[in-house]
Amino acid sequence: MKNVTLALLVALGALLGRPHTASAQQFLVVVNASNSVHSISVSDLSKIFLKRTTTWSSGQPAVPVDLSDSSSVRAAFSNAVHGRSVSAILAYWQRMIFSGRGVPPVQMASESDVLAYVRAHPDAVGYVRNGTALGADVRTLAVAR
């Protein structure tokens, strides 16, 4: 019985200590190549997209850009970063708009639109499907758990 309990505890510890990679493999967080920030925590990234934080750690304004509500990449991002569904995030923004406390990030119809926006706005942050060619003036932002 001790061996079974120990094996279960070791297995549980391995699962809890392992980084969540499924969602991380579905999208890349992208910023303008001139952005001085190279890594961010999931919590801080969520705060930027919920506009609870409006600046980068460098003090520059943070400008989040989302994909459309129906995007599977947005669903993966929302679940991994906010720990909530897209519909829960939309409800959050409805409350913020109704109360006059904020407006959601600009939305883009496609990943190429997100990349163009990030390329044109040095303080922007967005996300695209993993494997998307980023092109010039856009780089990934490391997200730490």
N, C-alpha and C. Protein backbone atom coordinates (compact mmCIF):
# COMPACT_ATOMS: atom_id res chain seq x y z
N MET A 1 0.82 -1.20 0.00
CA MET A 1 0.00 0.00 0.00
C MET A 1 0.86 1.26 0.00
N LYS A 2 1.98 1.22 0.77
CA LYS A 2 2.88 2.38 0.80
C LYS A 2 3.44 2.68 -0.57
N ASN A 3 3.81 1.61 -1.32
CA ASN A 3 4.38 1.80 -2.65
C ASN A 3 3.37 2.41 -3.61
N VAL A 4 2.11 2.00 -3.51
CA VAL A 4 1.06 2.55 -4.38
C VAL A 4 0.85 4.03 -4.05
N THR A 5 0.76 4.36 -2.76
CA THR A 5 0.58 5.74 -2.34
C THR A 5 1.75 6.59 -2.79
N LEU A 6 2.97 6.10 -2.61
CA LEU A 6 4.15 6.82 -3.02
C LEU A 6 4.16 7.03 -4.53
N ALA A 7 3.80 6.00 -5.29
CA ALA A 7 3.77 6.12 -6.74
C ALA A 7 2.74 7.16 -7.18
N LEU A 8 1.58 7.17 -6.52
CA LEU A 8 0.56 8.17 -6.85
C LEU A 8 1.04 9.58 -6.54
N LEU A 9 1.69 9.74 -5.40
CA LEU A 9 2.21 11.06 -5.02
C LEU A 9 3.28 11.54 -5.99
N VAL A 10 4.16 10.64 -6.42
CA VAL A 10 5.21 11.00 -7.39
C VAL A 10 4.57 11.39 -8.73
N ALA A 11 3.59 10.60 -9.16
CA ALA A 11 2.91 10.91 -10.43
C ALA A 11 2.18 12.24 -10.35
N LEU A 12 1.50 12.49 -9.24
CA LEU A 12 0.79 13.75 -9.06
C LEU A 12 1.77 14.92 -9.04
N GLY A 13 2.88 14.75 -8.34
CA GLY A 13 3.91 15.79 -8.29
C GLY A 13 4.47 16.09 -9.67
N ALA A 14 4.66 15.06 -10.46
CA ALA A 14 5.18 15.25 -11.82
C ALA A 14 4.19 16.02 -12.67
N LEU A 15 2.91 15.69 -12.52
CA LEU A 15 1.88 16.41 -13.29
C LEU A 15 1.77 17.86 -12.86
N LEU A 16 1.80 18.12 -11.57
CA LEU A 16 1.67 19.49 -11.08
C LEU A 16 2.89 20.33 -11.40
N GLY A 17 4.05 19.72 -11.42
CA GLY A 17 5.27 20.46 -11.67
C GLY A 17 5.58 20.66 -13.13
N ARG A 18 4.87 19.97 -13.98
CA ARG A 18 5.14 20.05 -15.41
C ARG A 18 4.48 21.28 -15.99
N PRO A 19 5.20 22.06 -16.83
CA PRO A 19 4.57 23.24 -17.43
C PRO A 19 3.44 22.84 -18.36
N HIS A 20 2.46 23.70 -18.45
CA HIS A 20 1.32 23.48 -19.33
C HIS A 20 1.75 23.80 -20.75
N THR A 21 1.95 22.75 -21.56
CA THR A 21 2.51 22.97 -22.88
C THR A 21 1.50 22.90 -24.00
N ALA A 22 0.34 22.30 -23.77
CA ALA A 22 -0.63 22.14 -24.86
C ALA A 22 -1.04 23.49 -25.42
N SER A 23 -1.44 24.42 -24.56
CA SER A 23 -1.85 25.73 -25.03
C SER A 23 -0.66 26.53 -25.54
N ALA A 24 0.50 26.39 -24.88
CA ALA A 24 1.67 27.13 -25.30
C ALA A 24 2.06 26.75 -26.72
N GLN A 25 1.77 25.51 -27.11
CA GLN A 25 2.11 25.07 -28.46
C GLN A 25 1.10 25.54 -29.49
N GLN A 26 -0.06 26.00 -29.07
CA GLN A 26 -1.09 26.42 -30.00
C GLN A 26 -0.94 27.87 -30.45
N PHE A 27 -0.25 28.70 -29.67
CA PHE A 27 -0.10 30.10 -30.05
C PHE A 27 1.25 30.64 -29.62
N LEU A 28 1.64 31.74 -30.27
CA LEU A 28 2.84 32.48 -29.91
C LEU A 28 2.41 33.88 -29.53
N VAL A 29 2.97 34.43 -28.48
CA VAL A 29 2.74 35.82 -28.11
C VAL A 29 3.78 36.64 -28.87
N VAL A 30 3.34 37.70 -29.54
CA VAL A 30 4.23 38.48 -30.39
C VAL A 30 4.22 39.95 -30.01
N VAL A 31 5.38 40.58 -30.19
CA VAL A 31 5.55 42.00 -29.95
C VAL A 31 6.36 42.59 -31.09
N ASN A 32 6.37 43.90 -31.16
CA ASN A 32 7.21 44.62 -32.10
C ASN A 32 8.67 44.34 -31.74
N ALA A 33 9.52 44.19 -32.73
CA ALA A 33 10.93 43.87 -32.48
C ALA A 33 11.63 44.94 -31.65
N SER A 34 11.11 46.16 -31.64
CA SER A 34 11.75 47.23 -30.87
C SER A 34 11.35 47.22 -29.39
N ASN A 35 10.40 46.38 -29.00
CA ASN A 35 9.96 46.31 -27.61
C ASN A 35 11.11 45.81 -26.75
N SER A 36 11.40 46.50 -25.64
CA SER A 36 12.53 46.14 -24.79
C SER A 36 12.21 44.98 -23.84
N VAL A 37 10.95 44.58 -23.73
CA VAL A 37 10.55 43.48 -22.86
C VAL A 37 10.73 42.16 -23.62
N HIS A 38 11.40 41.20 -22.98
CA HIS A 38 11.67 39.92 -23.64
C HIS A 38 10.93 38.76 -23.01
N SER A 39 10.42 38.94 -21.79
CA SER A 39 9.62 37.88 -21.16
C SER A 39 8.60 38.52 -20.23
N ILE A 40 7.54 37.76 -19.98
CA ILE A 40 6.44 38.24 -19.15
C ILE A 40 5.79 37.04 -18.48
N SER A 41 5.22 37.25 -17.32
CA SER A 41 4.50 36.16 -16.66
C SER A 41 3.10 36.05 -17.25
N VAL A 42 2.50 34.89 -17.12
CA VAL A 42 1.12 34.69 -17.59
C VAL A 42 0.19 35.69 -16.91
N SER A 43 0.39 35.87 -15.62
CA SER A 43 -0.45 36.80 -14.86
C SER A 43 -0.35 38.22 -15.40
N ASP A 44 0.87 38.70 -15.66
CA ASP A 44 1.04 40.06 -16.18
C ASP A 44 0.49 40.18 -17.60
N LEU A 45 0.63 39.13 -18.39
CA LEU A 45 0.08 39.15 -19.74
C LEU A 45 -1.45 39.25 -19.69
N SER A 46 -2.06 38.50 -18.81
CA SER A 46 -3.51 38.56 -18.63
C SER A 46 -3.93 39.98 -18.23
N LYS A 47 -3.20 40.57 -17.30
CA LYS A 47 -3.53 41.93 -16.85
C LYS A 47 -3.45 42.94 -17.99
N ILE A 48 -2.49 42.76 -18.89
CA ILE A 48 -2.38 43.66 -20.04
C ILE A 48 -3.59 43.49 -20.95
N PHE A 49 -3.98 42.24 -21.25
CA PHE A 49 -5.11 42.01 -22.15
C PHE A 49 -6.46 42.37 -21.52
N LEU A 50 -6.53 42.36 -20.20
CA LEU A 50 -7.76 42.80 -19.51
C LEU A 50 -7.69 44.29 -19.16
N LYS A 51 -6.59 44.91 -19.54
CA LYS A 51 -6.32 46.33 -19.32
C LYS A 51 -6.33 46.71 -17.84
N ARG A 52 -5.96 45.77 -17.01
CA ARG A 52 -5.76 46.06 -15.59
C ARG A 52 -4.37 46.65 -15.38
N THR A 53 -3.48 46.38 -16.32
CA THR A 53 -2.16 46.99 -16.40
C THR A 53 -2.07 47.64 -17.77
N THR A 54 -1.62 48.87 -17.82
CA THR A 54 -1.61 49.60 -19.09
C THR A 54 -0.21 49.92 -19.59
N THR A 55 0.81 49.46 -18.85
CA THR A 55 2.18 49.72 -19.28
C THR A 55 3.02 48.45 -19.19
N TRP A 56 4.07 48.41 -19.98
CA TRP A 56 5.08 47.36 -19.89
C TRP A 56 5.93 47.63 -18.66
N SER A 57 6.71 46.67 -18.26
CA SER A 57 7.61 46.86 -17.12
C SER A 57 8.61 47.98 -17.39
N SER A 58 8.84 48.29 -18.65
CA SER A 58 9.75 49.37 -19.04
C SER A 58 9.11 50.75 -18.85
N GLY A 59 7.79 50.78 -18.59
CA GLY A 59 7.09 52.04 -18.44
C GLY A 59 6.38 52.49 -19.71
N GLN A 60 6.67 51.86 -20.82
CA GLN A 60 6.01 52.19 -22.08
C GLN A 60 4.57 51.69 -22.05
N PRO A 61 3.66 52.35 -22.78
CA PRO A 61 2.28 51.87 -22.83
C PRO A 61 2.21 50.46 -23.44
N ALA A 62 1.32 49.64 -22.94
CA ALA A 62 1.09 48.30 -23.48
C ALA A 62 -0.21 48.33 -24.27
N VAL A 63 -0.15 47.90 -25.52
CA VAL A 63 -1.31 47.97 -26.41
C VAL A 63 -1.67 46.57 -26.89
N PRO A 64 -2.62 45.91 -26.21
CA PRO A 64 -3.00 44.55 -26.61
C PRO A 64 -3.88 44.53 -27.85
N VAL A 65 -3.75 43.47 -28.63
CA VAL A 65 -4.59 43.27 -29.81
C VAL A 65 -5.04 41.81 -29.82
N ASP A 66 -6.36 41.63 -29.92
CA ASP A 66 -6.97 40.29 -29.91
C ASP A 66 -7.33 39.83 -31.30
N LEU A 67 -7.48 38.53 -31.46
CA LEU A 67 -8.12 37.97 -32.65
C LEU A 67 -9.62 37.99 -32.44
N SER A 68 -10.38 37.71 -33.48
CA SER A 68 -11.84 37.74 -33.39
C SER A 68 -12.36 36.71 -32.39
N ASP A 69 -13.58 36.95 -31.92
CA ASP A 69 -14.22 36.08 -30.92
C ASP A 69 -14.30 34.62 -31.36
N SER A 70 -14.41 34.40 -32.65
CA SER A 70 -14.61 33.04 -33.16
C SER A 70 -13.30 32.29 -33.43
N SER A 71 -12.17 32.92 -33.22
CA SER A 71 -10.88 32.31 -33.51
C SER A 71 -10.54 31.19 -32.52
N SER A 72 -10.13 30.05 -33.05
CA SER A 72 -9.70 28.95 -32.16
C SER A 72 -8.40 29.32 -31.44
N VAL A 73 -7.58 30.16 -32.06
CA VAL A 73 -6.34 30.60 -31.42
C VAL A 73 -6.69 31.51 -30.23
N ARG A 74 -7.71 32.35 -30.40
CA ARG A 74 -8.14 33.19 -29.27
C ARG A 74 -8.67 32.32 -28.13
N ALA A 75 -9.39 31.27 -28.46
CA ALA A 75 -9.90 30.37 -27.43
C ALA A 75 -8.75 29.74 -26.65
N ALA A 76 -7.72 29.30 -27.35
CA ALA A 76 -6.56 28.70 -26.69
C ALA A 76 -5.84 29.74 -25.82
N PHE A 77 -5.68 30.95 -26.36
CA PHE A 77 -5.02 32.03 -25.62
C PHE A 77 -5.83 32.37 -24.37
N SER A 78 -7.13 32.54 -24.53
CA SER A 78 -7.99 32.91 -23.41
C SER A 78 -7.93 31.87 -22.29
N ASN A 79 -8.02 30.61 -22.65
CA ASN A 79 -7.96 29.54 -21.66
C ASN A 79 -6.60 29.47 -20.97
N ALA A 80 -5.52 29.61 -21.74
CA ALA A 80 -4.18 29.48 -21.18
C ALA A 80 -3.76 30.71 -20.37
N VAL A 81 -4.12 31.89 -20.84
CA VAL A 81 -3.64 33.13 -20.20
C VAL A 81 -4.60 33.63 -19.13
N HIS A 82 -5.89 33.64 -19.44
CA HIS A 82 -6.87 34.15 -18.49
C HIS A 82 -7.48 33.05 -17.62
N GLY A 83 -7.36 31.81 -18.06
CA GLY A 83 -8.00 30.72 -17.34
C GLY A 83 -9.51 30.77 -17.48
N ARG A 84 -9.99 31.43 -18.53
CA ARG A 84 -11.42 31.59 -18.78
C ARG A 84 -11.70 31.44 -20.27
N SER A 85 -12.95 31.15 -20.58
CA SER A 85 -13.36 31.01 -21.98
C SER A 85 -13.48 32.39 -22.63
N VAL A 86 -13.54 32.39 -23.94
CA VAL A 86 -13.74 33.64 -24.68
C VAL A 86 -15.06 34.29 -24.26
N SER A 87 -16.10 33.49 -24.08
CA SER A 87 -17.40 34.07 -23.69
C SER A 87 -17.32 34.73 -22.32
N ALA A 88 -16.53 34.17 -21.40
CA ALA A 88 -16.36 34.80 -20.08
C ALA A 88 -15.60 36.12 -20.21
N ILE A 89 -14.63 36.17 -21.10
CA ILE A 89 -13.89 37.42 -21.33
C ILE A 89 -14.79 38.45 -21.99
N LEU A 90 -15.63 38.02 -22.92
CA LEU A 90 -16.58 38.95 -23.56
C LEU A 90 -17.55 39.52 -22.52
N ALA A 91 -18.00 38.68 -21.59
CA ALA A 91 -18.89 39.15 -20.52
C ALA A 91 -18.16 40.16 -19.64
N TYR A 92 -16.89 39.92 -19.35
CA TYR A 92 -16.07 40.86 -18.58
C TYR A 92 -16.06 42.22 -19.28
N TRP A 93 -15.83 42.21 -20.59
CA TRP A 93 -15.75 43.47 -21.33
C TRP A 93 -17.11 44.16 -21.41
N GLN A 94 -18.18 43.39 -21.49
CA GLN A 94 -19.52 44.01 -21.48
C GLN A 94 -19.75 44.76 -20.17
N ARG A 95 -19.35 44.15 -19.06
CA ARG A 95 -19.48 44.83 -17.76
C ARG A 95 -18.62 46.09 -17.71
N MET A 96 -17.41 46.01 -18.21
CA MET A 96 -16.51 47.16 -18.20
C MET A 96 -17.05 48.29 -19.06
N ILE A 97 -17.57 47.96 -20.23
CA ILE A 97 -18.14 48.97 -21.13
C ILE A 97 -19.37 49.60 -20.50
N PHE A 98 -20.27 48.77 -19.99
CA PHE A 98 -21.52 49.26 -19.40
C PHE A 98 -21.26 50.18 -18.21
N SER A 99 -20.23 49.87 -17.42
CA SER A 99 -19.92 50.68 -16.24
C SER A 99 -19.03 51.88 -16.58
N GLY A 100 -18.62 51.97 -17.84
CA GLY A 100 -17.78 53.09 -18.25
C GLY A 100 -16.34 52.98 -17.77
N ARG A 101 -15.90 51.77 -17.43
CA ARG A 101 -14.55 51.59 -16.90
C ARG A 101 -13.53 51.12 -17.91
N GLY A 102 -13.93 50.90 -19.14
CA GLY A 102 -12.94 50.48 -20.12
C GLY A 102 -13.54 49.92 -21.38
N VAL A 103 -12.68 49.78 -22.36
CA VAL A 103 -13.06 49.18 -23.64
C VAL A 103 -12.07 48.06 -23.95
N PRO A 104 -12.53 47.03 -24.65
CA PRO A 104 -11.66 45.89 -24.93
C PRO A 104 -10.54 46.24 -25.91
N PRO A 105 -9.54 45.37 -25.98
CA PRO A 105 -8.48 45.57 -26.97
C PRO A 105 -9.08 45.56 -28.39
N VAL A 106 -8.39 46.22 -29.28
CA VAL A 106 -8.79 46.17 -30.68
C VAL A 106 -8.75 44.72 -31.14
N GLN A 107 -9.68 44.36 -32.04
CA GLN A 107 -9.72 43.00 -32.56
C GLN A 107 -9.35 43.00 -34.03
N MET A 108 -8.64 41.97 -34.42
CA MET A 108 -8.25 41.79 -35.81
C MET A 108 -8.88 40.51 -36.35
N ALA A 109 -9.20 40.53 -37.62
CA ALA A 109 -9.88 39.40 -38.25
C ALA A 109 -8.95 38.22 -38.53
N SER A 110 -7.66 38.50 -38.69
CA SER A 110 -6.74 37.42 -39.06
C SER A 110 -5.39 37.59 -38.36
N GLU A 111 -4.63 36.54 -38.41
CA GLU A 111 -3.30 36.59 -37.82
C GLU A 111 -2.39 37.54 -38.58
N SER A 112 -2.55 37.62 -39.90
CA SER A 112 -1.74 38.56 -40.66
C SER A 112 -2.09 40.00 -40.27
N ASP A 113 -3.35 40.25 -39.93
CA ASP A 113 -3.75 41.58 -39.45
C ASP A 113 -3.12 41.88 -38.09
N VAL A 114 -3.06 40.88 -37.21
CA VAL A 114 -2.41 41.05 -35.90
C VAL A 114 -0.94 41.39 -36.11
N LEU A 115 -0.27 40.66 -36.97
CA LEU A 115 1.15 40.91 -37.22
C LEU A 115 1.37 42.30 -37.81
N ALA A 116 0.51 42.71 -38.73
CA ALA A 116 0.63 44.07 -39.32
C ALA A 116 0.43 45.13 -38.24
N TYR A 117 -0.52 44.92 -37.34
CA TYR A 117 -0.78 45.86 -36.26
C TYR A 117 0.43 45.95 -35.33
N VAL A 118 0.96 44.80 -34.94
CA VAL A 118 2.13 44.77 -34.05
C VAL A 118 3.32 45.42 -34.73
N ARG A 119 3.49 45.17 -36.01
CA ARG A 119 4.58 45.77 -36.78
C ARG A 119 4.47 47.30 -36.79
N ALA A 120 3.25 47.80 -36.89
CA ALA A 120 3.01 49.25 -37.00
C ALA A 120 2.96 49.97 -35.66
N HIS A 121 2.79 49.23 -34.56
CA HIS A 121 2.66 49.83 -33.22
C HIS A 121 3.73 49.25 -32.30
N PRO A 122 4.78 50.02 -32.00
CA PRO A 122 5.91 49.51 -31.22
C PRO A 122 5.54 48.96 -29.83
N ASP A 123 4.44 49.39 -29.25
CA ASP A 123 4.07 48.94 -27.91
C ASP A 123 2.99 47.86 -27.91
N ALA A 124 2.64 47.37 -29.09
CA ALA A 124 1.57 46.39 -29.22
C ALA A 124 2.04 44.99 -28.82
N VAL A 125 1.05 44.19 -28.38
CA VAL A 125 1.27 42.77 -28.08
C VAL A 125 0.06 42.01 -28.60
N GLY A 126 0.32 40.92 -29.27
CA GLY A 126 -0.76 40.09 -29.80
C GLY A 126 -0.37 38.63 -29.73
N TYR A 127 -1.10 37.81 -30.43
CA TYR A 127 -0.81 36.37 -30.46
C TYR A 127 -1.25 35.82 -31.80
N VAL A 128 -0.56 34.80 -32.24
CA VAL A 128 -0.85 34.14 -33.51
C VAL A 128 -0.67 32.63 -33.31
N ARG A 129 -1.18 31.88 -34.23
CA ARG A 129 -1.03 30.41 -34.20
C ARG A 129 0.45 30.05 -34.25
N ASN A 130 0.85 29.10 -33.44
CA ASN A 130 2.22 28.62 -33.47
C ASN A 130 2.53 28.12 -34.87
N GLY A 131 3.68 28.50 -35.39
CA GLY A 131 4.08 28.11 -36.74
C GLY A 131 3.85 29.21 -37.75
N THR A 132 3.16 30.27 -37.36
CA THR A 132 2.93 31.40 -38.26
C THR A 132 4.25 32.11 -38.52
N ALA A 133 4.53 32.41 -39.79
CA ALA A 133 5.73 33.17 -40.13
C ALA A 133 5.53 34.61 -39.66
N LEU A 134 6.44 35.09 -38.82
CA LEU A 134 6.29 36.41 -38.23
C LEU A 134 6.73 37.54 -39.15
N GLY A 135 7.72 37.32 -39.96
CA GLY A 135 8.21 38.38 -40.84
C GLY A 135 9.06 39.39 -40.09
N ALA A 136 9.42 40.44 -40.77
CA ALA A 136 10.30 41.47 -40.22
C ALA A 136 9.60 42.28 -39.13
N ASP A 137 10.40 42.77 -38.20
CA ASP A 137 9.98 43.70 -37.15
C ASP A 137 8.99 43.14 -36.14
N VAL A 138 8.82 41.82 -36.09
CA VAL A 138 7.97 41.17 -35.09
C VAL A 138 8.77 40.01 -34.50
N ARG A 139 8.67 39.85 -33.18
CA ARG A 139 9.35 38.73 -32.53
C ARG A 139 8.44 38.15 -31.45
N THR A 140 8.80 36.97 -30.99
CA THR A 140 8.00 36.36 -29.93
C THR A 140 8.39 36.93 -28.57
N LEU A 141 7.45 36.86 -27.66
CA LEU A 141 7.65 37.26 -26.28
C LEU A 141 7.55 36.00 -25.43
N ALA A 142 8.57 35.70 -24.66
CA ALA A 142 8.56 34.52 -23.81
C ALA A 142 7.56 34.72 -22.68
N VAL A 143 6.73 33.70 -22.45
CA VAL A 143 5.72 33.76 -21.39
C VAL A 143 6.08 32.72 -20.34
N ALA A 144 6.35 33.21 -19.14
CA ALA A 144 6.73 32.33 -18.02
C ALA A 144 5.52 32.01 -17.18
N ARG A 145 5.45 30.81 -16.70
CA ARG A 145 4.33 30.38 -15.85
C ARG A 145 4.54 30.84 -14.46
